[in-house]
Amino acid sequence: MAIPVGATCIAGPSGVGKSTLLRLLNRLADPAAGEVRYQGRDLRSLDVLALRREVGLVPQLPALLDADVAENVCYGARLAGRDADVAGVLGLAGLDAAFADRPAGRLSVGEQQRVMIARALALEPRVLLLDEPTSALDEDTKRAVEATLAGLRERLGLSFIFVTHDLHQARRLADRVLYLQDGQLRTSTTGATLAP
């Protein structure tokens, strides 16, 4: 299968391989057979750290350092030898710059998820992989995170590949939906053609 530029949803039942597919796309895992290509090149031929700066992953559950928000946002950028515009990426992720000094462990789950998005954005990726980014959120917070993602796409021209079980969310956010079943691609459709 090929995943073009834009917003792509990977959907399907639990255990079908959606999260594994995301892990393959930034080399947290390598395929047992075949190859995964990015911009025409086998991922295994690319420097893994450079790839992960360009193809960022936001996991399903926030994994924050026991530190303040600024330290969390700067973490990946610092490892890459870059400075991070903490206030700027917090704003892009839908958080006020005042969050920078707050302890990450005292944030709501929705705020923590936005910090994870800000951390990924600090690396200035071209592609953002999101593993069920709203699964642990209430409906209002889910809609706010969705609005943040849509705004990021519009302002930064990022491509998204996100996993969700929520086909309504896929319809709201995705240009196309890839439906996996039994570890294989079963259908590929545009987001607009999904049932409401």
N, C-alpha and C. Protein backbone atom coordinates (compact mmCIF):
# COMPACT_ATOMS: atom_id res chain seq x y z
N MET A 1 0.84 -1.17 0.00
CA MET A 1 0.00 0.00 0.00
C MET A 1 0.88 1.24 0.00
N ALA A 2 0.33 2.34 -0.41
CA ALA A 2 1.04 3.62 -0.40
C ALA A 2 0.21 4.60 0.41
N ILE A 3 0.89 5.44 1.17
CA ILE A 3 0.21 6.45 1.97
C ILE A 3 0.68 7.81 1.45
N PRO A 4 -0.20 8.55 0.78
CA PRO A 4 0.20 9.85 0.23
C PRO A 4 0.23 10.94 1.30
N VAL A 5 0.72 12.08 0.91
CA VAL A 5 0.73 13.27 1.77
C VAL A 5 -0.70 13.60 2.15
N GLY A 6 -0.90 14.08 3.37
CA GLY A 6 -2.23 14.46 3.84
C GLY A 6 -2.53 13.82 5.17
N ALA A 7 -3.79 13.55 5.44
CA ALA A 7 -4.21 12.94 6.70
C ALA A 7 -4.80 11.58 6.40
N THR A 8 -4.17 10.55 6.93
CA THR A 8 -4.60 9.18 6.71
C THR A 8 -4.93 8.53 8.04
N CYS A 9 -6.07 7.88 8.10
CA CYS A 9 -6.49 7.13 9.28
C CYS A 9 -6.26 5.66 9.02
N ILE A 10 -5.73 4.98 10.02
CA ILE A 10 -5.63 3.53 9.99
C ILE A 10 -6.66 3.01 10.98
N ALA A 11 -7.64 2.28 10.49
CA ALA A 11 -8.73 1.79 11.32
C ALA A 11 -8.80 0.27 11.25
N GLY A 12 -9.53 -0.29 12.18
CA GLY A 12 -9.73 -1.73 12.21
C GLY A 12 -9.90 -2.21 13.63
N PRO A 13 -10.27 -3.47 13.80
CA PRO A 13 -10.50 -4.00 15.14
C PRO A 13 -9.20 -4.08 15.96
N SER A 14 -9.35 -4.23 17.27
CA SER A 14 -8.20 -4.36 18.16
C SER A 14 -7.37 -5.58 17.77
N GLY A 15 -6.06 -5.43 17.87
CA GLY A 15 -5.14 -6.53 17.62
C GLY A 15 -4.85 -6.83 16.17
N VAL A 16 -5.30 -5.96 15.26
CA VAL A 16 -5.13 -6.22 13.83
C VAL A 16 -3.77 -5.74 13.31
N GLY A 17 -3.06 -4.91 14.08
CA GLY A 17 -1.73 -4.45 13.66
C GLY A 17 -1.63 -2.96 13.38
N LYS A 18 -2.60 -2.19 13.80
CA LYS A 18 -2.58 -0.74 13.53
C LYS A 18 -1.39 -0.07 14.21
N SER A 19 -1.20 -0.31 15.49
CA SER A 19 -0.09 0.30 16.22
C SER A 19 1.25 -0.23 15.73
N THR A 20 1.27 -1.50 15.36
CA THR A 20 2.50 -2.09 14.81
C THR A 20 2.87 -1.39 13.51
N LEU A 21 1.88 -1.09 12.68
CA LEU A 21 2.15 -0.37 11.44
C LEU A 21 2.79 0.99 11.74
N LEU A 22 2.27 1.72 12.73
CA LEU A 22 2.89 2.99 13.09
C LEU A 22 4.33 2.80 13.53
N ARG A 23 4.58 1.76 14.32
CA ARG A 23 5.94 1.48 14.79
C ARG A 23 6.88 1.17 13.63
N LEU A 24 6.37 0.53 12.59
CA LEU A 24 7.18 0.25 11.41
C LEU A 24 7.53 1.53 10.66
N LEU A 25 6.63 2.51 10.70
CA LEU A 25 6.82 3.73 9.92
C LEU A 25 7.91 4.65 10.46
N ASN A 26 8.31 4.47 11.74
CA ASN A 26 9.46 5.26 12.20
C ASN A 26 10.53 4.38 12.85
N ARG A 27 10.53 3.11 12.48
CA ARG A 27 11.57 2.13 12.84
C ARG A 27 11.67 1.85 14.32
N LEU A 28 10.56 1.89 15.03
CA LEU A 28 10.56 1.32 16.36
C LEU A 28 10.50 -0.19 16.24
N ALA A 29 10.17 -0.65 15.05
CA ALA A 29 10.21 -2.07 14.70
C ALA A 29 10.58 -2.15 13.22
N ASP A 30 11.17 -3.25 12.82
CA ASP A 30 11.48 -3.49 11.41
C ASP A 30 10.63 -4.66 10.93
N PRO A 31 10.26 -4.66 9.65
CA PRO A 31 9.41 -5.74 9.14
C PRO A 31 10.16 -7.07 9.10
N ALA A 32 9.42 -8.15 9.36
CA ALA A 32 10.01 -9.50 9.27
C ALA A 32 10.20 -9.89 7.80
N ALA A 33 9.40 -9.31 6.92
CA ALA A 33 9.51 -9.57 5.49
C ALA A 33 9.10 -8.31 4.76
N GLY A 34 9.58 -8.17 3.56
CA GLY A 34 9.24 -6.99 2.77
C GLY A 34 9.99 -5.76 3.23
N GLU A 35 9.50 -4.62 2.81
CA GLU A 35 10.18 -3.38 3.18
C GLU A 35 9.17 -2.25 3.34
N VAL A 36 9.57 -1.27 4.11
CA VAL A 36 8.80 -0.05 4.30
C VAL A 36 9.64 1.06 3.69
N ARG A 37 9.03 1.84 2.81
CA ARG A 37 9.77 2.89 2.11
C ARG A 37 9.21 4.26 2.50
N TYR A 38 10.12 5.22 2.59
CA TYR A 38 9.75 6.61 2.85
C TYR A 38 10.44 7.45 1.80
N GLN A 39 9.66 8.18 1.05
CA GLN A 39 10.16 8.99 -0.05
C GLN A 39 11.04 8.16 -0.98
N GLY A 40 10.59 6.93 -1.24
CA GLY A 40 11.26 6.07 -2.19
C GLY A 40 12.43 5.26 -1.66
N ARG A 41 12.78 5.45 -0.39
CA ARG A 41 13.95 4.75 0.16
C ARG A 41 13.53 3.79 1.26
N ASP A 42 14.15 2.62 1.27
CA ASP A 42 13.91 1.64 2.33
C ASP A 42 14.29 2.29 3.66
N LEU A 43 13.39 2.22 4.63
CA LEU A 43 13.66 2.85 5.93
C LEU A 43 14.94 2.34 6.57
N ARG A 44 15.28 1.08 6.33
CA ARG A 44 16.48 0.51 6.95
C ARG A 44 17.75 1.14 6.41
N SER A 45 17.66 1.86 5.29
CA SER A 45 18.84 2.55 4.75
C SER A 45 19.00 3.96 5.32
N LEU A 46 18.02 4.40 6.08
CA LEU A 46 18.04 5.76 6.64
C LEU A 46 18.56 5.74 8.07
N ASP A 47 19.20 6.82 8.48
CA ASP A 47 19.62 6.96 9.87
C ASP A 47 18.36 7.01 10.73
N VAL A 48 18.27 6.11 11.71
CA VAL A 48 17.05 5.96 12.49
C VAL A 48 16.71 7.23 13.27
N LEU A 49 17.70 7.91 13.82
CA LEU A 49 17.41 9.13 14.58
C LEU A 49 16.96 10.27 13.67
N ALA A 50 17.59 10.39 12.52
CA ALA A 50 17.16 11.41 11.56
C ALA A 50 15.73 11.13 11.09
N LEU A 51 15.42 9.86 10.85
CA LEU A 51 14.07 9.49 10.45
C LEU A 51 13.06 9.87 11.53
N ARG A 52 13.37 9.57 12.78
CA ARG A 52 12.43 9.85 13.87
C ARG A 52 12.25 11.34 14.12
N ARG A 53 13.21 12.15 13.70
CA ARG A 53 13.02 13.60 13.79
C ARG A 53 12.07 14.07 12.70
N GLU A 54 12.08 13.40 11.56
CA GLU A 54 11.23 13.78 10.45
C GLU A 54 9.86 13.12 10.50
N VAL A 55 9.79 11.93 11.10
CA VAL A 55 8.55 11.18 11.24
C VAL A 55 8.34 10.96 12.73
N GLY A 56 7.65 11.91 13.38
CA GLY A 56 7.46 11.87 14.83
C GLY A 56 6.29 10.99 15.23
N LEU A 57 6.42 10.37 16.40
CA LEU A 57 5.37 9.49 16.91
C LEU A 57 4.83 10.03 18.23
N VAL A 58 3.51 10.14 18.32
CA VAL A 58 2.83 10.48 19.56
C VAL A 58 2.09 9.22 20.00
N PRO A 59 2.55 8.58 21.10
CA PRO A 59 1.94 7.32 21.52
C PRO A 59 0.53 7.50 22.08
N GLN A 60 -0.16 6.37 22.22
CA GLN A 60 -1.53 6.39 22.72
C GLN A 60 -1.61 6.96 24.14
N LEU A 61 -0.71 6.54 24.99
CA LEU A 61 -0.69 7.03 26.37
C LEU A 61 0.48 7.97 26.54
N PRO A 62 0.26 9.14 27.14
CA PRO A 62 1.36 10.08 27.35
C PRO A 62 2.48 9.44 28.17
N ALA A 63 3.70 9.66 27.73
CA ALA A 63 4.89 9.15 28.43
C ALA A 63 5.80 10.35 28.71
N LEU A 64 5.50 11.02 29.80
CA LEU A 64 6.22 12.25 30.12
C LEU A 64 7.27 12.02 31.19
N LEU A 65 8.29 12.85 31.14
CA LEU A 65 9.34 12.84 32.16
C LEU A 65 8.77 13.40 33.46
N ASP A 66 9.35 13.02 34.57
CA ASP A 66 8.99 13.59 35.86
C ASP A 66 9.68 14.94 35.98
N ALA A 67 9.15 15.90 35.24
CA ALA A 67 9.75 17.23 35.15
C ALA A 67 8.66 18.20 34.74
N ASP A 68 9.03 19.46 34.55
CA ASP A 68 8.02 20.41 34.11
C ASP A 68 7.76 20.26 32.61
N VAL A 69 6.75 20.95 32.15
CA VAL A 69 6.33 20.85 30.76
C VAL A 69 7.45 21.29 29.82
N ALA A 70 8.16 22.35 30.14
CA ALA A 70 9.24 22.84 29.27
C ALA A 70 10.30 21.77 29.07
N GLU A 71 10.69 21.08 30.15
CA GLU A 71 11.69 20.01 30.03
C GLU A 71 11.18 18.90 29.12
N ASN A 72 9.92 18.58 29.24
CA ASN A 72 9.33 17.55 28.40
C ASN A 72 9.32 17.95 26.93
N VAL A 73 8.95 19.20 26.67
CA VAL A 73 8.91 19.67 25.29
C VAL A 73 10.30 19.69 24.68
N CYS A 74 11.30 20.08 25.46
CA CYS A 74 12.67 20.21 24.96
C CYS A 74 13.40 18.88 24.83
N TYR A 75 12.88 17.83 25.43
CA TYR A 75 13.60 16.57 25.55
C TYR A 75 14.14 16.06 24.21
N GLY A 76 13.26 15.82 23.25
CA GLY A 76 13.69 15.29 21.96
C GLY A 76 14.56 16.25 21.18
N ALA A 77 14.19 17.52 21.21
CA ALA A 77 14.98 18.52 20.50
C ALA A 77 16.40 18.59 21.06
N ARG A 78 16.50 18.52 22.37
CA ARG A 78 17.83 18.56 23.01
C ARG A 78 18.67 17.36 22.58
N LEU A 79 18.06 16.18 22.53
CA LEU A 79 18.78 14.99 22.07
C LEU A 79 19.26 15.14 20.63
N ALA A 80 18.50 15.90 19.85
CA ALA A 80 18.86 16.13 18.45
C ALA A 80 19.81 17.31 18.28
N GLY A 81 20.22 17.93 19.41
CA GLY A 81 21.13 19.07 19.33
C GLY A 81 20.46 20.35 18.87
N ARG A 82 19.17 20.46 19.12
CA ARG A 82 18.41 21.65 18.69
C ARG A 82 17.84 22.37 19.90
N ASP A 83 17.53 23.62 19.70
CA ASP A 83 16.76 24.38 20.68
C ASP A 83 15.29 24.24 20.31
N ALA A 84 14.45 24.30 21.32
CA ALA A 84 13.01 24.22 21.07
C ALA A 84 12.36 25.54 21.44
N ASP A 85 11.45 26.00 20.62
CA ASP A 85 10.64 27.17 20.92
C ASP A 85 9.46 26.68 21.76
N VAL A 86 9.67 26.59 23.07
CA VAL A 86 8.68 25.99 23.96
C VAL A 86 7.33 26.69 23.84
N ALA A 87 7.32 28.01 23.97
CA ALA A 87 6.05 28.74 23.90
C ALA A 87 5.38 28.54 22.54
N GLY A 88 6.18 28.54 21.48
CA GLY A 88 5.63 28.39 20.14
C GLY A 88 4.98 27.04 19.91
N VAL A 89 5.67 25.96 20.31
CA VAL A 89 5.09 24.63 20.07
C VAL A 89 3.96 24.33 21.04
N LEU A 90 4.01 24.89 22.25
CA LEU A 90 2.87 24.74 23.15
C LEU A 90 1.65 25.41 22.52
N GLY A 91 1.83 26.59 21.96
CA GLY A 91 0.73 27.28 21.30
C GLY A 91 0.17 26.47 20.14
N LEU A 92 1.06 25.88 19.33
CA LEU A 92 0.61 25.06 18.22
C LEU A 92 -0.19 23.85 18.70
N ALA A 93 0.20 23.33 19.87
CA ALA A 93 -0.48 22.16 20.43
C ALA A 93 -1.73 22.54 21.23
N GLY A 94 -2.06 23.82 21.27
CA GLY A 94 -3.28 24.25 21.94
C GLY A 94 -3.13 24.54 23.42
N LEU A 95 -1.90 24.78 23.88
CA LEU A 95 -1.67 25.12 25.29
C LEU A 95 -1.04 26.50 25.39
N ASP A 96 -1.40 27.22 26.42
CA ASP A 96 -0.83 28.52 26.70
C ASP A 96 0.63 28.36 27.14
N ALA A 97 1.45 29.36 26.84
CA ALA A 97 2.86 29.34 27.23
C ALA A 97 3.05 29.21 28.74
N ALA A 98 2.04 29.61 29.53
CA ALA A 98 2.12 29.51 30.99
C ALA A 98 2.23 28.06 31.46
N PHE A 99 1.89 27.10 30.60
CA PHE A 99 2.01 25.69 30.97
C PHE A 99 3.47 25.26 31.11
N ALA A 100 4.39 26.01 30.54
CA ALA A 100 5.80 25.59 30.51
C ALA A 100 6.36 25.27 31.89
N ASP A 101 5.96 26.01 32.91
CA ASP A 101 6.51 25.81 34.26
C ASP A 101 5.72 24.81 35.10
N ARG A 102 4.65 24.28 34.58
CA ARG A 102 3.82 23.35 35.37
C ARG A 102 4.45 21.96 35.41
N PRO A 103 4.31 21.27 36.53
CA PRO A 103 4.77 19.87 36.58
C PRO A 103 3.92 19.01 35.64
N ALA A 104 4.56 18.25 34.78
CA ALA A 104 3.84 17.45 33.79
C ALA A 104 2.92 16.43 34.45
N GLY A 105 3.31 15.90 35.59
CA GLY A 105 2.51 14.89 36.28
C GLY A 105 1.22 15.42 36.86
N ARG A 106 1.07 16.73 36.92
CA ARG A 106 -0.15 17.31 37.49
C ARG A 106 -1.13 17.81 36.43
N LEU A 107 -0.86 17.50 35.18
CA LEU A 107 -1.75 17.91 34.09
C LEU A 107 -2.83 16.87 33.88
N SER A 108 -3.93 17.29 33.31
CA SER A 108 -4.97 16.34 32.92
C SER A 108 -4.42 15.47 31.78
N VAL A 109 -5.09 14.36 31.50
CA VAL A 109 -4.64 13.48 30.42
C VAL A 109 -4.68 14.22 29.08
N GLY A 110 -5.70 15.03 28.86
CA GLY A 110 -5.78 15.81 27.62
C GLY A 110 -4.63 16.80 27.49
N GLU A 111 -4.27 17.45 28.59
CA GLU A 111 -3.14 18.38 28.57
C GLU A 111 -1.84 17.62 28.35
N GLN A 112 -1.70 16.46 28.98
CA GLN A 112 -0.50 15.65 28.77
C GLN A 112 -0.38 15.23 27.30
N GLN A 113 -1.50 14.88 26.69
CA GLN A 113 -1.47 14.47 25.29
C GLN A 113 -1.01 15.65 24.42
N ARG A 114 -1.44 16.84 24.76
CA ARG A 114 -1.02 18.02 24.00
C ARG A 114 0.47 18.30 24.21
N VAL A 115 0.98 18.03 25.41
CA VAL A 115 2.43 18.18 25.65
C VAL A 115 3.19 17.18 24.78
N MET A 116 2.67 15.97 24.65
CA MET A 116 3.30 14.98 23.78
C MET A 116 3.32 15.46 22.32
N ILE A 117 2.24 16.09 21.89
CA ILE A 117 2.19 16.65 20.54
C ILE A 117 3.21 17.77 20.41
N ALA A 118 3.29 18.65 21.42
CA ALA A 118 4.27 19.74 21.40
C ALA A 118 5.69 19.19 21.35
N ARG A 119 5.96 18.13 22.12
CA ARG A 119 7.30 17.52 22.10
C ARG A 119 7.65 17.05 20.69
N ALA A 120 6.69 16.40 20.04
CA ALA A 120 6.93 15.93 18.66
C ALA A 120 7.13 17.11 17.72
N LEU A 121 6.34 18.16 17.88
CA LEU A 121 6.45 19.33 17.01
C LEU A 121 7.77 20.07 17.19
N ALA A 122 8.37 19.99 18.37
CA ALA A 122 9.65 20.67 18.62
C ALA A 122 10.75 20.16 17.69
N LEU A 123 10.57 18.96 17.15
CA LEU A 123 11.54 18.40 16.21
C LEU A 123 11.27 18.82 14.77
N GLU A 124 10.21 19.59 14.55
CA GLU A 124 9.82 20.08 13.23
C GLU A 124 9.66 18.94 12.23
N PRO A 125 8.81 17.96 12.55
CA PRO A 125 8.63 16.81 11.65
C PRO A 125 7.85 17.18 10.40
N ARG A 126 7.95 16.32 9.40
CA ARG A 126 7.14 16.46 8.20
C ARG A 126 5.90 15.58 8.30
N VAL A 127 6.03 14.51 9.10
CA VAL A 127 4.94 13.56 9.28
C VAL A 127 4.76 13.33 10.77
N LEU A 128 3.51 13.29 11.21
CA LEU A 128 3.21 13.01 12.61
C LEU A 128 2.36 11.74 12.67
N LEU A 129 2.88 10.74 13.39
CA LEU A 129 2.17 9.49 13.62
C LEU A 129 1.48 9.60 14.97
N LEU A 130 0.19 9.32 15.01
CA LEU A 130 -0.59 9.48 16.24
C LEU A 130 -1.34 8.18 16.52
N ASP A 131 -1.01 7.56 17.64
CA ASP A 131 -1.63 6.29 17.99
C ASP A 131 -2.80 6.54 18.95
N GLU A 132 -4.00 6.54 18.39
CA GLU A 132 -5.22 6.81 19.16
C GLU A 132 -5.05 8.01 20.09
N PRO A 133 -4.79 9.17 19.52
CA PRO A 133 -4.45 10.34 20.33
C PRO A 133 -5.56 10.86 21.24
N THR A 134 -6.79 10.40 21.02
CA THR A 134 -7.89 10.91 21.84
C THR A 134 -8.64 9.81 22.57
N SER A 135 -8.09 8.60 22.61
CA SER A 135 -8.84 7.46 23.16
C SER A 135 -9.15 7.59 24.64
N ALA A 136 -8.30 8.29 25.40
CA ALA A 136 -8.52 8.39 26.86
C ALA A 136 -9.18 9.71 27.25
N LEU A 137 -9.76 10.41 26.29
CA LEU A 137 -10.27 11.76 26.55
C LEU A 137 -11.79 11.80 26.52
N ASP A 138 -12.35 12.74 27.30
CA ASP A 138 -13.79 12.96 27.24
C ASP A 138 -14.13 13.64 25.91
N GLU A 139 -15.42 13.70 25.59
CA GLU A 139 -15.84 14.18 24.28
C GLU A 139 -15.41 15.62 24.00
N ASP A 140 -15.52 16.52 24.97
CA ASP A 140 -15.13 17.91 24.76
C ASP A 140 -13.62 18.03 24.51
N THR A 141 -12.83 17.30 25.30
CA THR A 141 -11.38 17.36 25.14
C THR A 141 -10.97 16.71 23.82
N LYS A 142 -11.65 15.63 23.45
CA LYS A 142 -11.39 14.97 22.17
C LYS A 142 -11.58 15.95 21.02
N ARG A 143 -12.68 16.68 21.05
CA ARG A 143 -12.96 17.65 19.98
C ARG A 143 -11.91 18.76 19.95
N ALA A 144 -11.45 19.18 21.15
CA ALA A 144 -10.42 20.22 21.21
C ALA A 144 -9.11 19.72 20.61
N VAL A 145 -8.72 18.49 20.91
CA VAL A 145 -7.49 17.92 20.33
C VAL A 145 -7.65 17.76 18.82
N GLU A 146 -8.81 17.32 18.38
CA GLU A 146 -9.06 17.22 16.94
C GLU A 146 -8.91 18.58 16.26
N ALA A 147 -9.45 19.63 16.88
CA ALA A 147 -9.32 20.98 16.32
C ALA A 147 -7.86 21.40 16.27
N THR A 148 -7.10 21.04 17.30
CA THR A 148 -5.67 21.34 17.31
C THR A 148 -4.97 20.65 16.14
N LEU A 149 -5.27 19.38 15.93
CA LEU A 149 -4.63 18.63 14.84
C LEU A 149 -5.00 19.21 13.48
N ALA A 150 -6.26 19.54 13.30
CA ALA A 150 -6.70 20.14 12.03
C ALA A 150 -6.00 21.48 11.81
N GLY A 151 -5.86 22.27 12.88
CA GLY A 151 -5.17 23.55 12.77
C GLY A 151 -3.70 23.38 12.44
N LEU A 152 -3.05 22.39 13.02
CA LEU A 152 -1.64 22.12 12.73
C LEU A 152 -1.46 21.76 11.26
N ARG A 153 -2.32 20.93 10.79
CA ARG A 153 -2.23 20.52 9.39
C ARG A 153 -2.36 21.71 8.46
N GLU A 154 -3.31 22.58 8.78
CA GLU A 154 -3.53 23.76 7.96
C GLU A 154 -2.36 24.74 8.04
N ARG A 155 -1.87 25.01 9.26
CA ARG A 155 -0.80 26.01 9.43
C ARG A 155 0.58 25.51 9.02
N LEU A 156 0.88 24.24 9.31
CA LEU A 156 2.23 23.74 9.09
C LEU A 156 2.36 22.83 7.88
N GLY A 157 1.25 22.41 7.31
CA GLY A 157 1.30 21.51 6.17
C GLY A 157 1.82 20.12 6.54
N LEU A 158 1.62 19.72 7.79
CA LEU A 158 2.06 18.40 8.22
C LEU A 158 1.18 17.31 7.64
N SER A 159 1.77 16.16 7.42
CA SER A 159 0.98 14.98 7.12
C SER A 159 0.77 14.23 8.42
N PHE A 160 -0.39 13.62 8.55
CA PHE A 160 -0.73 12.83 9.74
C PHE A 160 -1.07 11.42 9.30
N ILE A 161 -0.65 10.48 10.10
CA ILE A 161 -1.13 9.11 10.00
C ILE A 161 -1.57 8.77 11.41
N PHE A 162 -2.87 8.52 11.57
CA PHE A 162 -3.36 8.29 12.92
C PHE A 162 -4.22 7.04 13.00
N VAL A 163 -4.11 6.39 14.13
CA VAL A 163 -4.89 5.19 14.42
C VAL A 163 -6.10 5.61 15.24
N THR A 164 -7.27 5.07 14.88
CA THR A 164 -8.46 5.28 15.67
C THR A 164 -9.44 4.14 15.44
N HIS A 165 -10.24 3.88 16.46
CA HIS A 165 -11.36 2.96 16.31
C HIS A 165 -12.63 3.73 15.94
N ASP A 166 -12.57 5.04 16.05
CA ASP A 166 -13.72 5.92 15.89
C ASP A 166 -13.85 6.36 14.42
N LEU A 167 -14.73 5.71 13.67
CA LEU A 167 -14.89 6.07 12.27
C LEU A 167 -15.48 7.46 12.08
N HIS A 168 -16.21 7.97 13.07
CA HIS A 168 -16.69 9.35 13.00
C HIS A 168 -15.50 10.30 13.06
N GLN A 169 -14.54 10.00 13.92
CA GLN A 169 -13.33 10.82 13.99
C GLN A 169 -12.55 10.73 12.68
N ALA A 170 -12.46 9.55 12.13
CA ALA A 170 -11.77 9.38 10.85
C ALA A 170 -12.42 10.25 9.77
N ARG A 171 -13.74 10.27 9.78
CA ARG A 171 -14.45 11.09 8.79
C ARG A 171 -14.17 12.57 8.99
N ARG A 172 -14.06 12.99 10.25
CA ARG A 172 -13.81 14.41 10.54
C ARG A 172 -12.39 14.83 10.17
N LEU A 173 -11.41 13.95 10.34
CA LEU A 173 -10.01 14.35 10.23
C LEU A 173 -9.26 13.85 9.00
N ALA A 174 -9.68 12.73 8.43
CA ALA A 174 -8.85 12.07 7.42
C ALA A 174 -9.27 12.37 5.99
N ASP A 175 -8.28 12.40 5.12
CA ASP A 175 -8.51 12.46 3.68
C ASP A 175 -8.83 11.05 3.17
N ARG A 176 -8.22 10.06 3.83
CA ARG A 176 -8.41 8.67 3.44
C ARG A 176 -8.34 7.78 4.66
N VAL A 177 -8.98 6.63 4.55
CA VAL A 177 -8.99 5.66 5.64
C VAL A 177 -8.51 4.32 5.09
N LEU A 178 -7.56 3.74 5.77
CA LEU A 178 -7.09 2.39 5.46
C LEU A 178 -7.67 1.48 6.53
N TYR A 179 -8.42 0.48 6.10
CA TYR A 179 -9.06 -0.42 7.06
C TYR A 179 -8.31 -1.75 7.04
N LEU A 180 -7.76 -2.11 8.21
CA LEU A 180 -7.03 -3.36 8.34
C LEU A 180 -7.91 -4.42 8.98
N GLN A 181 -7.75 -5.63 8.51
CA GLN A 181 -8.45 -6.77 9.11
C GLN A 181 -7.57 -8.00 8.91
N ASP A 182 -7.42 -8.79 9.98
CA ASP A 182 -6.59 -9.99 9.94
C ASP A 182 -5.17 -9.69 9.47
N GLY A 183 -4.65 -8.52 9.87
CA GLY A 183 -3.28 -8.15 9.54
C GLY A 183 -3.07 -7.73 8.10
N GLN A 184 -4.14 -7.48 7.36
CA GLN A 184 -4.02 -7.10 5.95
C GLN A 184 -4.90 -5.89 5.65
N LEU A 185 -4.50 -5.14 4.64
CA LEU A 185 -5.31 -4.03 4.18
C LEU A 185 -6.53 -4.60 3.47
N ARG A 186 -7.73 -4.25 3.98
CA ARG A 186 -8.97 -4.74 3.38
C ARG A 186 -9.60 -3.71 2.47
N THR A 187 -9.64 -2.46 2.89
CA THR A 187 -10.22 -1.41 2.07
C THR A 187 -9.45 -0.11 2.27
N SER A 188 -9.55 0.73 1.29
CA SER A 188 -8.99 2.07 1.35
C SER A 188 -10.05 2.99 0.77
N THR A 189 -10.42 4.02 1.51
CA THR A 189 -11.49 4.91 1.07
C THR A 189 -11.14 6.34 1.46
N THR A 190 -11.83 7.28 0.88
CA THR A 190 -11.66 8.66 1.32
C THR A 190 -12.51 8.88 2.55
N GLY A 191 -12.08 9.81 3.42
CA GLY A 191 -12.80 10.10 4.64
C GLY A 191 -14.23 10.53 4.38
N ALA A 192 -14.45 11.24 3.30
CA ALA A 192 -15.79 11.77 3.00
C ALA A 192 -16.78 10.67 2.63
N THR A 193 -16.30 9.50 2.19
CA THR A 193 -17.23 8.45 1.79
C THR A 193 -17.62 7.52 2.91
N LEU A 194 -17.08 7.74 4.11
CA LEU A 194 -17.48 6.92 5.25
C LEU A 194 -18.90 7.27 5.67
N ALA A 195 -19.59 6.31 6.23
CA ALA A 195 -20.93 6.58 6.75
C ALA A 195 -20.83 7.60 7.87
N PRO A 196 -21.82 8.52 8.03
CA PRO A 196 -21.77 9.53 9.07
C PRO A 196 -21.86 8.91 10.45
